[in-house]
């Protein structure tokens, strides 16, 4: 099973990285819907080693998810390249 990594970049400059099993075998529309729900939420909740981490979105500068899900919501810019 392949893993994915979510890195949360906080407003204060700190980061938090979590490795988890990559979502596979789900219906593509289900994966896209889950990504959209996460983007619209006021908080992100992640289960890590049997504990829950609740991360308020107001403290988050951005998320870095690698690799990107195979199926993402419409309107997301694809195939970008970081230049700075």
N, C-alpha and C. Protein backbone atom coordinates (compact mmCIF):
# COMPACT_ATOMS: atom_id res chain seq x y z
N UNK A 1 0.85 -1.18 0.00
CA UNK A 1 0.00 0.00 0.00
C UNK A 1 0.89 1.24 0.00
N UNK A 2 0.59 2.15 -0.89
CA UNK A 2 1.37 3.38 -0.98
C UNK A 2 0.89 4.36 0.08
N UNK A 3 1.82 5.20 0.52
CA UNK A 3 1.50 6.21 1.52
C UNK A 3 1.43 7.59 0.89
N UNK A 4 0.73 8.47 1.58
CA UNK A 4 0.68 9.88 1.21
C UNK A 4 1.18 10.67 2.42
N UNK A 5 1.56 11.91 2.19
CA UNK A 5 2.02 12.77 3.27
C UNK A 5 1.25 14.08 3.20
N UNK A 6 0.71 14.48 4.34
CA UNK A 6 0.05 15.77 4.49
C UNK A 6 0.93 16.63 5.36
N UNK A 7 1.37 17.77 4.84
CA UNK A 7 2.13 18.73 5.63
C UNK A 7 1.27 19.98 5.81
N UNK A 8 1.04 20.34 7.05
CA UNK A 8 0.26 21.53 7.38
C UNK A 8 1.24 22.65 7.70
N UNK A 9 1.12 23.77 7.02
CA UNK A 9 1.96 24.94 7.26
C UNK A 9 1.10 25.95 8.03
N UNK A 10 1.52 26.26 9.25
CA UNK A 10 0.75 27.13 10.12
C UNK A 10 1.16 28.59 9.93
N UNK A 11 0.26 29.48 10.36
CA UNK A 11 0.48 30.92 10.23
C UNK A 11 1.74 31.38 10.98
N UNK A 12 2.12 30.67 12.06
CA UNK A 12 3.30 31.08 12.84
C UNK A 12 4.61 30.54 12.26
N UNK A 13 4.55 29.86 11.09
CA UNK A 13 5.75 29.37 10.44
C UNK A 13 6.10 27.93 10.76
N UNK A 14 5.41 27.30 11.71
CA UNK A 14 5.69 25.90 12.04
C UNK A 14 4.95 24.98 11.07
N UNK A 15 5.37 23.72 11.06
CA UNK A 15 4.72 22.73 10.21
C UNK A 15 4.43 21.46 11.00
N UNK A 16 3.53 20.67 10.47
CA UNK A 16 3.19 19.36 11.02
C UNK A 16 3.00 18.43 9.83
N UNK A 17 3.71 17.31 9.81
CA UNK A 17 3.59 16.35 8.71
C UNK A 17 3.05 15.03 9.23
N UNK A 18 2.12 14.46 8.46
CA UNK A 18 1.49 13.19 8.81
C UNK A 18 1.55 12.27 7.61
N UNK A 19 2.01 11.05 7.82
CA UNK A 19 2.03 10.03 6.76
C UNK A 19 0.83 9.12 7.00
N UNK A 20 0.11 8.78 5.92
CA UNK A 20 -1.07 7.94 6.05
C UNK A 20 -1.24 7.12 4.76
N UNK A 21 -2.02 6.04 4.84
CA UNK A 21 -2.24 5.23 3.63
C UNK A 21 -3.00 6.04 2.58
N UNK A 22 -2.52 6.00 1.37
CA UNK A 22 -3.15 6.73 0.27
C UNK A 22 -4.53 6.15 0.00
N UNK A 23 -5.50 7.03 -0.25
CA UNK A 23 -6.85 6.58 -0.55
C UNK A 23 -6.87 5.91 -1.92
N UNK A 24 -7.18 4.63 -1.93
CA UNK A 24 -7.30 3.91 -3.19
C UNK A 24 -8.54 3.03 -3.11
N UNK A 25 -9.04 2.66 -4.24
CA UNK A 25 -10.18 1.76 -4.27
C UNK A 25 -11.51 2.46 -4.02
N UNK A 26 -11.48 3.76 -3.70
CA UNK A 26 -12.72 4.50 -3.51
C UNK A 26 -13.25 4.97 -4.86
N UNK A 27 -14.53 5.21 -4.90
CA UNK A 27 -15.15 5.80 -6.07
C UNK A 27 -14.52 7.17 -6.32
N UNK A 28 -14.10 7.48 -7.54
CA UNK A 28 -13.46 8.77 -7.83
C UNK A 28 -14.28 9.97 -7.37
N UNK A 29 -15.60 9.91 -7.53
CA UNK A 29 -16.42 11.04 -7.09
C UNK A 29 -16.42 11.14 -5.57
N UNK A 30 -16.29 10.01 -4.88
CA UNK A 30 -16.20 10.03 -3.41
C UNK A 30 -14.92 10.69 -2.94
N UNK A 31 -13.81 10.41 -3.62
CA UNK A 31 -12.53 11.04 -3.27
C UNK A 31 -12.61 12.54 -3.51
N UNK A 32 -13.13 12.94 -4.67
CA UNK A 32 -13.26 14.37 -4.96
C UNK A 32 -14.17 15.06 -3.96
N UNK A 33 -15.25 14.40 -3.57
CA UNK A 33 -16.17 14.99 -2.58
C UNK A 33 -15.49 15.12 -1.22
N UNK A 34 -14.68 14.15 -0.84
CA UNK A 34 -13.97 14.22 0.44
C UNK A 34 -12.97 15.38 0.44
N UNK A 35 -12.28 15.59 -0.68
CA UNK A 35 -11.35 16.71 -0.79
C UNK A 35 -12.11 18.02 -0.68
N UNK A 36 -13.25 18.14 -1.35
CA UNK A 36 -14.04 19.37 -1.30
C UNK A 36 -14.54 19.64 0.11
N UNK A 37 -15.02 18.61 0.80
CA UNK A 37 -15.47 18.79 2.20
C UNK A 37 -14.34 19.29 3.08
N UNK A 38 -13.14 18.75 2.89
CA UNK A 38 -11.98 19.18 3.68
C UNK A 38 -11.66 20.65 3.41
N UNK A 39 -11.75 21.06 2.14
CA UNK A 39 -11.46 22.45 1.80
C UNK A 39 -12.49 23.41 2.38
N UNK A 40 -13.73 22.97 2.50
CA UNK A 40 -14.81 23.82 2.99
C UNK A 40 -14.94 23.82 4.52
N UNK A 41 -14.24 22.94 5.20
CA UNK A 41 -14.41 22.77 6.65
C UNK A 41 -13.73 23.89 7.45
N UNK A 42 -14.20 24.09 8.67
CA UNK A 42 -13.58 25.05 9.59
C UNK A 42 -12.40 24.44 10.32
N UNK A 43 -12.31 23.12 10.26
CA UNK A 43 -11.19 22.43 10.92
C UNK A 43 -10.90 21.14 10.16
N UNK A 44 -9.70 20.65 10.34
CA UNK A 44 -9.31 19.36 9.78
C UNK A 44 -9.03 18.45 10.96
N UNK A 45 -9.57 17.25 10.91
CA UNK A 45 -9.37 16.28 11.99
C UNK A 45 -8.61 15.10 11.42
N UNK A 46 -7.49 14.76 12.06
CA UNK A 46 -6.64 13.68 11.60
C UNK A 46 -6.43 12.71 12.75
N UNK A 47 -6.61 11.41 12.49
CA UNK A 47 -6.32 10.39 13.50
C UNK A 47 -4.87 9.97 13.31
N UNK A 48 -4.08 10.07 14.39
CA UNK A 48 -2.66 9.74 14.35
C UNK A 48 -2.33 8.87 15.56
N UNK A 49 -1.87 7.67 15.30
CA UNK A 49 -1.46 6.75 16.36
C UNK A 49 -2.51 6.61 17.45
N UNK A 50 -3.79 6.54 17.04
CA UNK A 50 -4.88 6.36 18.01
C UNK A 50 -5.36 7.63 18.67
N UNK A 51 -4.77 8.76 18.35
CA UNK A 51 -5.20 10.06 18.90
C UNK A 51 -5.80 10.90 17.78
N UNK A 52 -6.64 11.88 18.16
CA UNK A 52 -7.19 12.81 17.18
C UNK A 52 -6.49 14.15 17.28
N UNK A 53 -6.09 14.68 16.13
CA UNK A 53 -5.56 16.03 16.05
C UNK A 53 -6.64 16.88 15.39
N UNK A 54 -7.06 17.94 16.06
CA UNK A 54 -8.07 18.85 15.53
C UNK A 54 -7.36 20.16 15.21
N UNK A 55 -7.34 20.50 13.93
CA UNK A 55 -6.57 21.65 13.46
C UNK A 55 -7.53 22.71 12.93
N UNK A 56 -7.69 23.82 13.66
CA UNK A 56 -8.56 24.89 13.18
C UNK A 56 -8.00 25.53 11.90
N UNK A 57 -8.83 25.68 10.89
CA UNK A 57 -8.38 26.25 9.61
C UNK A 57 -7.87 27.68 9.76
N UNK A 58 -8.36 28.43 10.75
CA UNK A 58 -7.92 29.82 10.90
C UNK A 58 -6.44 29.90 11.27
N UNK A 59 -5.83 28.81 11.73
CA UNK A 59 -4.41 28.78 12.08
C UNK A 59 -3.53 28.26 10.95
N UNK A 60 -4.16 27.87 9.83
CA UNK A 60 -3.44 27.22 8.74
C UNK A 60 -3.16 28.21 7.62
N UNK A 61 -1.90 28.25 7.18
CA UNK A 61 -1.53 29.06 6.03
C UNK A 61 -1.84 28.28 4.75
N UNK A 62 -1.37 27.02 4.68
CA UNK A 62 -1.72 26.15 3.56
C UNK A 62 -1.37 24.70 3.89
N UNK A 63 -1.92 23.78 3.07
CA UNK A 63 -1.65 22.36 3.17
C UNK A 63 -0.82 21.94 1.96
N UNK A 64 0.05 20.98 2.17
CA UNK A 64 0.81 20.37 1.07
C UNK A 64 0.52 18.89 1.15
N UNK A 65 -0.14 18.37 0.14
CA UNK A 65 -0.52 16.96 0.10
C UNK A 65 0.21 16.30 -1.06
N UNK A 66 0.98 15.25 -0.73
CA UNK A 66 1.74 14.56 -1.77
C UNK A 66 1.62 13.05 -1.60
N UNK A 67 1.34 12.31 -2.64
CA UNK A 67 0.97 12.82 -3.95
C UNK A 67 -0.45 13.35 -3.93
N UNK A 68 -0.79 14.17 -4.91
CA UNK A 68 -2.15 14.68 -5.01
C UNK A 68 -3.10 13.52 -5.28
N UNK A 69 -4.33 13.61 -4.77
CA UNK A 69 -5.30 12.54 -5.08
C UNK A 69 -5.49 12.43 -6.60
N UNK A 70 -5.81 11.24 -7.05
CA UNK A 70 -6.04 11.03 -8.48
C UNK A 70 -7.26 11.81 -8.97
N UNK A 71 -8.23 11.98 -8.10
CA UNK A 71 -9.48 12.65 -8.48
C UNK A 71 -9.69 13.83 -7.54
N UNK A 72 -9.71 15.03 -8.10
CA UNK A 72 -9.88 16.24 -7.30
C UNK A 72 -11.07 17.02 -7.83
N UNK A 73 -11.64 17.93 -7.00
CA UNK A 73 -12.84 18.64 -7.43
C UNK A 73 -12.59 19.51 -8.66
N UNK A 74 -13.68 19.76 -9.40
CA UNK A 74 -13.59 20.67 -10.53
C UNK A 74 -13.16 22.04 -10.04
N UNK A 75 -12.47 22.76 -10.89
CA UNK A 75 -12.04 24.11 -10.55
C UNK A 75 -10.64 24.18 -9.95
N UNK A 76 -10.05 23.03 -9.63
CA UNK A 76 -8.69 23.01 -9.09
C UNK A 76 -7.72 23.13 -10.26
N UNK A 77 -6.79 24.05 -10.17
CA UNK A 77 -5.77 24.21 -11.21
C UNK A 77 -4.83 23.01 -11.15
N UNK A 78 -4.63 22.38 -12.30
CA UNK A 78 -3.81 21.17 -12.34
C UNK A 78 -2.51 21.43 -13.08
N UNK A 79 -1.53 20.58 -12.83
CA UNK A 79 -0.23 20.56 -13.53
C UNK A 79 0.57 21.85 -13.32
N UNK A 80 0.41 22.49 -12.17
CA UNK A 80 1.20 23.68 -11.86
C UNK A 80 2.63 23.31 -11.49
N UNK A 81 3.50 24.30 -11.47
CA UNK A 81 4.91 24.12 -11.07
C UNK A 81 5.26 25.26 -10.11
N UNK A 82 5.87 24.93 -8.96
CA UNK A 82 6.33 25.96 -8.04
C UNK A 82 7.53 26.67 -8.64
N UNK A 83 7.52 27.98 -8.59
CA UNK A 83 8.65 28.73 -9.13
C UNK A 83 9.29 29.63 -8.08
N UNK A 84 8.67 29.72 -6.90
CA UNK A 84 9.30 30.50 -5.83
C UNK A 84 8.86 30.00 -4.48
